[in-house]
Amino acid sequence: MSDHANALSASEALEKLKAGNNTYLTASANPGDVSPAIRKDTCDNGQHPYATVITCSDSRVIPESIFSAGIGELFTIRVAGNVINDFQLGSVEYAADHLGTNLIVVLGHTNCGAVGAAMSGGAAGFTKAITDEIKSAIGGETDGYKASCLNVKHSIKRIMDSLHIPAEGTEQGLKVIGAIYHIDDGHVEFM
């Protein structure tokens, strides 16, 4: 792992996410910095995200808005059903090793279409790979919220096992946690 002296610790990043979500709950616009100055700065000096967020592709789930973040603050990985395969694992590994993010958040959400499809028997075509992965995570669960939580836990386990990250985090401070975004009111429930 590279040296990232200025990187936030996992606990500092989590507090920043929580504060950002609290801001979002009453915001009518994203207060995150998207200015020309930050675009130029991140172009010239690279990105320095404080957390990695793996979440669903659902258009209602926008991590930068949910956490009141601007350009360069979150390393966001999106895939339907927030499932984890080698591509997502490679992205997580890159963010930790090369960008210095110490907190990895698997962010599921309520009313997830991919989880709903898995609960109702799955899908066809390429979507089947996603619903099959979710079905293996949720088993016979029929409650959408509980199924989303099980799916998040499954993705966390996949990341931890594949990248050898213990539950308490690594010596370098890397930690994986789960969360559920409630699309009805905007709050994030950290697991």
C-alpha atoms as a PDB file:
ATOM      1  CA  MET A   1       0.000   0.000   0.000  1.00  0.00           C
ATOM      2  CA  SER A   2       1.283   3.468  -0.841  1.00  0.00           C
ATOM      3  CA  ASP A   3       1.933   6.104   1.789  1.00  0.00           C
ATOM      4  CA  HIS A   4      -0.958   8.560   1.980  1.00  0.00           C
ATOM      5  CA  ALA A   5      -0.014  10.821   4.863  1.00  0.00           C
ATOM      6  CA  ASN A   6      -2.956  13.174   4.364  1.00  0.00           C
ATOM      7  CA  ALA A   7      -5.621  10.468   4.034  1.00  0.00           C
ATOM      8  CA  LEU A   8      -8.459  10.515   6.525  1.00  0.00           C
ATOM      9  CA  SER A   9      -8.718   7.551   8.861  1.00  0.00           C
ATOM     10  CA  ALA A  10     -11.711   5.251   8.429  1.00  0.00           C
ATOM     11  CA  SER A  11     -13.395   6.753  11.505  1.00  0.00           C
ATOM     12  CA  GLU A  12     -12.750  10.340  10.315  1.00  0.00           C
ATOM     13  CA  ALA A  13     -14.152   9.455   6.867  1.00  0.00           C
ATOM     14  CA  LEU A  14     -17.237   7.868   8.457  1.00  0.00           C
ATOM     15  CA  GLU A  15     -17.878  11.023  10.522  1.00  0.00           C
ATOM     16  CA  LYS A  16     -17.542  13.128   7.374  1.00  0.00           C
ATOM     17  CA  LEU A  17     -20.068  10.892   5.566  1.00  0.00           C
ATOM     18  CA  LYS A  18     -22.499  11.129   8.485  1.00  0.00           C
ATOM     19  CA  ALA A  19     -22.188  14.921   8.625  1.00  0.00           C
ATOM     20  CA  GLY A  20     -22.680  15.137   4.867  1.00  0.00           C
ATOM     21  CA  ASN A  21     -25.809  12.990   5.056  1.00  0.00           C
ATOM     22  CA  ASN A  22     -27.188  15.217   7.832  1.00  0.00           C
ATOM     23  CA  THR A  23     -26.658  18.245   5.572  1.00  0.00           C
ATOM     24  CA  TYR A  24     -28.352  16.429   2.672  1.00  0.00           C
ATOM     25  CA  LEU A  25     -31.493  15.695   4.701  1.00  0.00           C
ATOM     26  CA  THR A  26     -32.562  19.344   4.562  1.00  0.00           C
ATOM     27  CA  ALA A  27     -30.740  20.517   1.426  1.00  0.00           C
ATOM     28  CA  SER A  28     -32.419  21.484  -1.823  1.00  0.00           C
ATOM     29  CA  ALA A  29     -29.119  21.438  -3.748  1.00  0.00           C
ATOM     30  CA  ASN A  30     -25.790  19.690  -3.293  1.00  0.00           C
ATOM     31  CA  PRO A  31     -23.430  21.934  -1.309  1.00  0.00           C
ATOM     32  CA  GLY A  32     -20.387  19.932  -2.465  1.00  0.00           C
ATOM     33  CA  ASP A  33     -17.699  21.836  -4.362  1.00  0.00           C
ATOM     34  CA  VAL A  34     -18.155  21.421  -8.131  1.00  0.00           C
ATOM     35  CA  SER A  35     -16.528  24.742  -9.010  1.00  0.00           C
ATOM     36  CA  PRO A  36     -14.204  25.406 -11.938  1.00  0.00           C
ATOM     37  CA  ALA A  37     -11.408  25.806  -9.364  1.00  0.00           C
ATOM     38  CA  ILE A  38     -11.867  22.284  -7.952  1.00  0.00           C
ATOM     39  CA  ARG A  39     -12.116  20.840 -11.457  1.00  0.00           C
ATOM     40  CA  LYS A  40      -8.806  22.495 -12.345  1.00  0.00           C
ATOM     41  CA  ASP A  41      -7.194  21.463  -9.059  1.00  0.00           C
ATOM     42  CA  THR A  42      -8.183  17.803  -9.391  1.00  0.00           C
ATOM     43  CA  CYS A  43      -7.064  17.839 -13.020  1.00  0.00           C
ATOM     44  CA  ASP A  44      -3.659  19.271 -12.138  1.00  0.00           C
ATOM     45  CA  ASN A  45      -3.099  17.531  -8.787  1.00  0.00           C
ATOM     46  CA  GLY A  46      -5.173  14.348  -9.053  1.00  0.00           C
ATOM     47  CA  GLN A  47      -7.985  13.066  -6.938  1.00  0.00           C
ATOM     48  CA  HIS A  48      -7.825  12.518  -3.184  1.00  0.00           C
ATOM     49  CA  PRO A  49     -11.139  10.913  -2.193  1.00  0.00           C
ATOM     50  CA  TYR A  50     -11.696  10.313   1.503  1.00  0.00           C
ATOM     51  CA  ALA A  51     -13.906   7.221   1.043  1.00  0.00           C
ATOM     52  CA  THR A  52     -14.831   4.543  -1.468  1.00  0.00           C
ATOM     53  CA  VAL A  53     -18.568   3.964  -1.937  1.00  0.00           C
ATOM     54  CA  ILE A  54     -19.891   0.904  -3.768  1.00  0.00           C
ATOM     55  CA  THR A  55     -23.557   1.400  -4.519  1.00  0.00           C
ATOM     56  CA  CYS A  56     -26.391   0.543  -6.864  1.00  0.00           C
ATOM     57  CA  SER A  57     -26.785   2.124 -10.287  1.00  0.00           C
ATOM     58  CA  ASP A  58     -30.303   3.225  -9.313  1.00  0.00           C
ATOM     59  CA  SER A  59     -30.797   6.824 -10.489  1.00  0.00           C
ATOM     60  CA  ARG A  60     -32.278   7.754  -7.104  1.00  0.00           C
ATOM     61  CA  VAL A  61     -29.051   6.829  -5.281  1.00  0.00           C
ATOM     62  CA  ILE A  62     -26.430   9.537  -5.857  1.00  0.00           C
ATOM     63  CA  PRO A  63     -23.606   9.202  -3.305  1.00  0.00           C
ATOM     64  CA  GLU A  64     -22.134  12.652  -3.953  1.00  0.00           C
ATOM     65  CA  SER A  65     -25.509  14.200  -3.153  1.00  0.00           C
ATOM     66  CA  ILE A  66     -26.392  11.828  -0.303  1.00  0.00           C
ATOM     67  CA  PHE A  67     -23.117  12.711   1.448  1.00  0.00           C
ATOM     68  CA  SER A  68     -22.966  16.384   0.332  1.00  0.00           C
ATOM     69  CA  ALA A  69     -19.666  15.713  -1.439  1.00  0.00           C
ATOM     70  CA  GLY A  70     -18.025  17.545  -4.284  1.00  0.00           C
ATOM     71  CA  ILE A  71     -15.624  16.632  -7.065  1.00  0.00           C
ATOM     72  CA  GLY A  72     -12.767  14.430  -5.906  1.00  0.00           C
ATOM     73  CA  GLU A  73     -14.212  13.577  -2.485  1.00  0.00           C
ATOM     74  CA  LEU A  74     -15.709  10.123  -3.085  1.00  0.00           C
ATOM     75  CA  PHE A  75     -14.453   7.237  -5.186  1.00  0.00           C
ATOM     76  CA  THR A  76     -17.798   5.863  -6.346  1.00  0.00           C
ATOM     77  CA  ILE A  77     -18.338   2.427  -7.860  1.00  0.00           C
ATOM     78  CA  ARG A  78     -21.838   1.790  -9.181  1.00  0.00           C
ATOM     79  CA  VAL A  79     -23.381  -1.459 -10.338  1.00  0.00           C
ATOM     80  CA  ALA A  80     -26.976  -2.662 -10.226  1.00  0.00           C
ATOM     81  CA  GLY A  81     -27.683  -4.291  -6.883  1.00  0.00           C
ATOM     82  CA  ASN A  82     -24.280  -3.188  -5.484  1.00  0.00           C
ATOM     83  CA  VAL A  83     -22.960  -6.673  -6.235  1.00  0.00           C
ATOM     84  CA  ILE A  84     -19.245  -7.376  -6.126  1.00  0.00           C
ATOM     85  CA  ASN A  85     -17.183  -9.123  -8.797  1.00  0.00           C
ATOM     86  CA  ASP A  86     -13.573  -8.862  -9.904  1.00  0.00           C
ATOM     87  CA  PHE A  87     -14.105  -5.471 -11.587  1.00  0.00           C
ATOM     88  CA  GLN A  88     -15.494  -3.910  -8.421  1.00  0.00           C
ATOM     89  CA  LEU A  89     -12.780  -5.587  -6.327  1.00  0.00           C
ATOM     90  CA  GLY A  90     -10.108  -4.157  -8.629  1.00  0.00           C
ATOM     91  CA  SER A  91     -11.643  -0.696  -8.272  1.00  0.00           C
ATOM     92  CA  VAL A  92     -11.757  -0.987  -4.464  1.00  0.00           C
ATOM     93  CA  GLU A  93      -8.164  -2.195  -4.394  1.00  0.00           C
ATOM     94  CA  TYR A  94      -7.076   0.688  -6.647  1.00  0.00           C
ATOM     95  CA  ALA A  95      -8.786   3.279  -4.441  1.00  0.00           C
ATOM     96  CA  ALA A  96      -7.136   1.902  -1.299  1.00  0.00           C
ATOM     97  CA  ASP A  97      -3.674   1.300  -2.744  1.00  0.00           C
ATOM     98  CA  HIS A  98      -3.285   4.263  -5.073  1.00  0.00           C
ATOM     99  CA  LEU A  99      -5.662   6.909  -3.741  1.00  0.00           C
ATOM    100  CA  GLY A 100      -5.392   6.199  -0.021  1.00  0.00           C
ATOM    101  CA  THR A 101      -9.058   5.752   0.856  1.00  0.00           C
ATOM    102  CA  ASN A 102      -9.287   4.018   4.226  1.00  0.00           C
ATOM    103  CA  LEU A 103     -13.055   3.582   4.371  1.00  0.00           C
ATOM    104  CA  ILE A 104     -14.975   1.314   2.010  1.00  0.00           C
ATOM    105  CA  VAL A 105     -18.762   1.639   2.243  1.00  0.00           C
ATOM    106  CA  VAL A 106     -21.137  -0.818   0.590  1.00  0.00           C
ATOM    107  CA  LEU A 107     -24.298   1.280   0.230  1.00  0.00           C
ATOM    108  CA  GLY A 108     -27.492  -0.620  -0.454  1.00  0.00           C
ATOM    109  CA  HIS A 109     -30.888   1.050  -0.557  1.00  0.00           C
ATOM    110  CA  THR A 110     -34.554   0.518   0.075  1.00  0.00           C
ATOM    111  CA  ASN A 111     -36.867  -0.278  -2.842  1.00  0.00           C
ATOM    112  CA  CYS A 112     -33.988  -1.758  -4.858  1.00  0.00           C
ATOM    113  CA  GLY A 113     -35.200  -3.095  -8.208  1.00  0.00           C
ATOM    114  CA  ALA A 114     -32.380  -5.637  -8.467  1.00  0.00           C
ATOM    115  CA  VAL A 115     -33.142  -7.025  -5.005  1.00  0.00           C
ATOM    116  CA  GLY A 116     -36.853  -7.088  -5.876  1.00  0.00           C
ATOM    117  CA  ALA A 117     -36.128  -8.972  -9.102  1.00  0.00           C
ATOM    118  CA  ALA A 118     -34.016 -11.502  -7.188  1.00  0.00           C
ATOM    119  CA  MET A 119     -36.794 -12.004  -4.622  1.00  0.00           C
ATOM    120  CA  SER A 120     -39.357 -12.572  -7.379  1.00  0.00           C
ATOM    121  CA  GLY A 121     -37.344 -15.274  -9.125  1.00  0.00           C
ATOM    122  CA  GLY A 122     -34.534 -13.511 -10.956  1.00  0.00           C
ATOM    123  CA  ALA A 123     -34.079 -12.183 -14.446  1.00  0.00           C
ATOM    124  CA  ALA A 124     -32.949 -13.271 -17.892  1.00  0.00           C
ATOM    125  CA  GLY A 125     -30.094 -12.234 -20.147  1.00  0.00           C
ATOM    126  CA  PHE A 126     -27.091 -10.480 -18.681  1.00  0.00           C
ATOM    127  CA  THR A 127     -29.190  -9.232 -15.755  1.00  0.00           C
ATOM    128  CA  LYS A 128     -29.403 -12.852 -14.553  1.00  0.00           C
ATOM    129  CA  ALA A 129     -25.788 -12.693 -13.320  1.00  0.00           C
ATOM    130  CA  ILE A 130     -26.774  -9.826 -11.017  1.00  0.00           C
ATOM    131  CA  THR A 131     -29.985 -11.372  -9.700  1.00  0.00           C
ATOM    132  CA  ASP A 132     -28.283 -14.762  -9.226  1.00  0.00           C
ATOM    133  CA  GLU A 133     -25.601 -13.102  -7.080  1.00  0.00           C
ATOM    134  CA  ILE A 134     -28.261 -11.329  -5.039  1.00  0.00           C
ATOM    135  CA  LYS A 135     -30.301 -14.541  -4.684  1.00  0.00           C
ATOM    136  CA  SER A 136     -27.236 -16.287  -3.264  1.00  0.00           C
ATOM    137  CA  ALA A 137     -26.927 -13.434  -0.750  1.00  0.00           C
ATOM    138  CA  ILE A 138     -30.561 -13.253   0.375  1.00  0.00           C
ATOM    139  CA  GLY A 139     -31.668 -16.882   0.216  1.00  0.00           C
ATOM    140  CA  GLY A 140     -35.421 -17.089   0.704  1.00  0.00           C
ATOM    141  CA  GLU A 141     -35.832 -13.662   2.309  1.00  0.00           C
ATOM    142  CA  THR A 142     -39.052 -11.981   1.162  1.00  0.00           C
ATOM    143  CA  ASP A 143     -38.842  -8.665   3.029  1.00  0.00           C
ATOM    144  CA  GLY A 144     -37.240  -6.055   0.745  1.00  0.00           C
ATOM    145  CA  TYR A 145     -35.455  -4.155   3.514  1.00  0.00           C
ATOM    146  CA  LYS A 146     -34.046  -7.290   5.122  1.00  0.00           C
ATOM    147  CA  ALA A 147     -33.007  -8.613   1.712  1.00  0.00           C
ATOM    148  CA  SER A 148     -31.161  -5.368   0.940  1.00  0.00           C
ATOM    149  CA  CYS A 149     -29.327  -5.653   4.279  1.00  0.00           C
ATOM    150  CA  LEU A 150     -28.367  -9.273   3.555  1.00  0.00           C
ATOM    151  CA  ASN A 151     -27.154  -8.262   0.105  1.00  0.00           C
ATOM    152  CA  VAL A 152     -24.950  -5.514   1.598  1.00  0.00           C
ATOM    153  CA  LYS A 153     -23.518  -7.960   4.155  1.00  0.00           C
ATOM    154  CA  HIS A 154     -22.756 -10.432   1.362  1.00  0.00           C
ATOM    155  CA  SER A 155     -20.877  -7.776  -0.621  1.00  0.00           C
ATOM    156  CA  ILE A 156     -18.941  -6.724   2.490  1.00  0.00           C
ATOM    157  CA  LYS A 157     -17.895 -10.336   3.092  1.00  0.00           C
ATOM    158  CA  ARG A 158     -16.811 -10.696  -0.525  1.00  0.00           C
ATOM    159  CA  ILE A 159     -14.620  -7.585  -0.270  1.00  0.00           C
ATOM    160  CA  MET A 160     -13.152  -8.562   3.096  1.00  0.00           C
ATOM    161  CA  ASP A 161     -12.412 -12.149   2.043  1.00  0.00           C
ATOM    162  CA  SER A 162     -11.011 -11.246  -1.374  1.00  0.00           C
ATOM    163  CA  LEU A 163      -8.842  -8.343  -0.214  1.00  0.00           C
ATOM    164  CA  HIS A 164      -7.950  -9.924   3.164  1.00  0.00           C
ATOM    165  CA  ILE A 165      -9.433  -7.156   5.289  1.00  0.00           C
ATOM    166  CA  PRO A 166     -10.327  -8.266   8.830  1.00  0.00           C
ATOM    167  CA  ALA A 167     -13.574  -7.063  10.463  1.00  0.00           C
ATOM    168  CA  GLU A 168     -11.651  -4.696  12.735  1.00  0.00           C
ATOM    169  CA  GLY A 169      -9.752  -3.260   9.755  1.00  0.00           C
ATOM    170  CA  THR A 170      -6.151  -3.574   8.628  1.00  0.00           C
ATOM    171  CA  GLU A 171      -2.994  -2.309  10.327  1.00  0.00           C
ATOM    172  CA  GLN A 172      -2.955   0.459   7.711  1.00  0.00           C
ATOM    173  CA  GLY A 173      -6.439   1.553   8.813  1.00  0.00           C
ATOM    174  CA  LEU A 174      -8.510   0.162   5.913  1.00  0.00           C
ATOM    175  CA  LYS A 175     -12.067  -0.738   6.990  1.00  0.00           C
ATOM    176  CA  VAL A 176     -15.195  -2.023   5.241  1.00  0.00           C
ATOM    177  CA  ILE A 177     -18.683  -1.111   6.474  1.00  0.00           C
ATOM    178  CA  GLY A 178     -22.234  -1.363   5.207  1.00  0.00           C
ATOM    179  CA  ALA A 179     -25.069   1.115   5.002  1.00  0.00           C
ATOM    180  CA  ILE A 180     -28.620   1.373   3.700  1.00  0.00           C
ATOM    181  CA  TYR A 181     -29.904   4.513   2.009  1.00  0.00           C
ATOM    182  CA  HIS A 182     -33.608   5.103   2.641  1.00  0.00           C
ATOM    183  CA  ILE A 183     -34.901   6.583  -0.586  1.00  0.00           C
ATOM    184  CA  ASP A 184     -38.131   7.821   1.002  1.00  0.00           C
ATOM    185  CA  ASP A 185     -36.522  10.294   3.415  1.00  0.00           C
ATOM    186  CA  GLY A 186     -32.847  10.416   2.400  1.00  0.00           C
ATOM    187  CA  HIS A 187     -31.222   9.173   5.583  1.00  0.00           C
ATOM    188  CA  VAL A 188     -28.369   6.686   5.587  1.00  0.00           C
ATOM    189  CA  GLU A 189     -28.456   3.944   8.175  1.00  0.00           C
ATOM    190  CA  PHE A 190     -24.938   2.705   8.894  1.00  0.00           C
ATOM    191  CA  MET A 191     -24.874  -0.975   9.784  1.00  0.00           C
END
